[in-house]
Amino acid sequence: MGRAPVTALGAGRGGRRTSHVGVADVMDRGGPQPPRVLAHGTGIYPATMTGVLVGLGRAGGIMRRPDAGDGRRVQIEAAGFARLS
């Protein structure tokens, strides 16, 4: 399965959402991360990040994986982003 361009992920009426691109960029640079770290890295409130991740998940842009050290936690992993640099 090929990687979807970021413009296809989370596009709103005016094009791609800035929050989605920011999350994609942070994951591209830092790899899989927990939602709270993604929120901190993008400057998005943790509660808002939940909605952003739901949108990206529906678009097929992320995967949630159990944390190897703590099964109650999840790591968010990019699943369809093109490199953003």
Protein backbone atom coordinates (compact mmCIF):
# COMPACT_ATOMS: atom_id res chain seq x y z
CA MET A 1 0.00 0.00 0.00
CA GLY A 2 1.47 3.34 -1.04
CA ARG A 3 1.71 6.38 1.15
CA ALA A 4 -1.02 8.98 0.74
CA PRO A 5 0.06 12.58 0.25
CA VAL A 6 -0.61 14.74 3.27
CA THR A 7 -2.98 16.90 1.22
CA ALA A 8 -5.39 13.95 1.12
CA LEU A 9 -5.39 13.58 4.87
CA GLY A 10 -7.70 15.69 6.96
CA ALA A 11 -8.45 18.17 4.22
CA GLY A 12 -11.08 20.68 5.20
CA ARG A 13 -12.97 23.15 3.05
CA GLY A 14 -9.91 25.32 2.62
CA GLY A 15 -7.41 22.50 2.08
CA ARG A 16 -5.33 20.61 4.60
CA ARG A 17 -5.69 21.50 8.26
CA THR A 18 -2.70 23.13 9.87
CA SER A 19 -3.05 20.93 12.96
CA HIS A 20 -2.90 17.77 10.86
CA VAL A 21 0.19 18.94 9.03
CA GLY A 22 1.85 19.88 12.34
CA VAL A 23 1.20 16.43 13.79
CA ALA A 24 2.52 14.80 10.62
CA ASP A 25 5.66 16.92 10.82
CA VAL A 26 6.30 16.09 14.50
CA MET A 27 5.83 12.35 13.84
CA ASP A 28 8.04 12.54 10.77
CA ARG A 29 10.87 14.02 12.84
CA GLY A 30 10.32 12.08 16.08
CA GLY A 31 8.72 8.79 15.12
CA PRO A 32 5.89 7.15 17.11
CA GLN A 33 4.90 9.16 20.17
CA PRO A 34 2.17 9.26 22.80
CA PRO A 35 -0.65 11.77 22.21
CA ARG A 36 0.49 14.07 25.03
CA VAL A 37 3.98 14.40 23.51
CA LEU A 38 2.46 15.13 20.11
CA ALA A 39 0.27 17.80 21.69
CA HIS A 40 3.27 19.40 23.38
CA GLY A 41 5.36 19.24 20.18
CA THR A 42 2.70 20.96 18.11
CA GLY A 43 1.42 23.44 20.68
CA ILE A 44 -2.06 21.88 20.56
CA TYR A 45 -3.99 21.38 23.81
CA PRO A 46 -4.18 17.67 24.76
CA ALA A 47 -8.00 17.68 24.57
CA THR A 48 -7.84 19.20 21.09
CA MET A 49 -5.20 16.66 20.06
CA THR A 50 -7.72 13.90 20.73
CA GLY A 51 -9.99 15.33 18.02
CA VAL A 52 -7.09 15.84 15.62
CA LEU A 53 -6.04 12.21 16.07
CA VAL A 54 -9.61 11.01 15.50
CA GLY A 55 -9.67 12.91 12.19
CA LEU A 56 -6.28 11.58 11.14
CA GLY A 57 -7.31 8.06 12.12
CA ARG A 58 -10.46 8.25 9.99
CA ALA A 59 -8.35 9.45 7.06
CA GLY A 60 -5.94 6.53 7.51
CA GLY A 61 -3.04 8.81 8.44
CA ILE A 62 -2.17 7.26 11.81
CA MET A 63 -2.08 3.95 13.63
CA ARG A 64 -2.44 3.50 17.37
CA ARG A 65 -0.12 0.89 18.85
CA PRO A 66 0.10 -0.30 22.47
CA ASP A 67 3.12 1.04 24.34
CA ALA A 68 5.63 -1.77 24.84
CA GLY A 69 6.41 -0.68 28.39
CA ASP A 70 2.88 0.15 29.54
CA GLY A 71 -0.06 -1.56 27.84
CA ARG A 72 -2.45 1.14 29.08
CA ARG A 73 -0.71 3.72 26.91
CA VAL A 74 -0.64 4.07 23.15
CA GLN A 75 1.94 5.27 20.68
CA ILE A 76 0.72 7.18 17.63
CA GLU A 77 2.48 6.18 14.45
CA ALA A 78 2.28 7.74 10.99
CA ALA A 79 0.56 5.46 8.51
CA GLY A 80 0.20 7.49 5.35
CA PHE A 81 2.11 10.75 5.41
CA ALA A 82 4.45 11.96 2.73
CA ARG A 83 7.60 13.63 4.05
CA LEU A 84 6.86 17.31 4.78
CA SER A 85 10.26 18.91 4.39
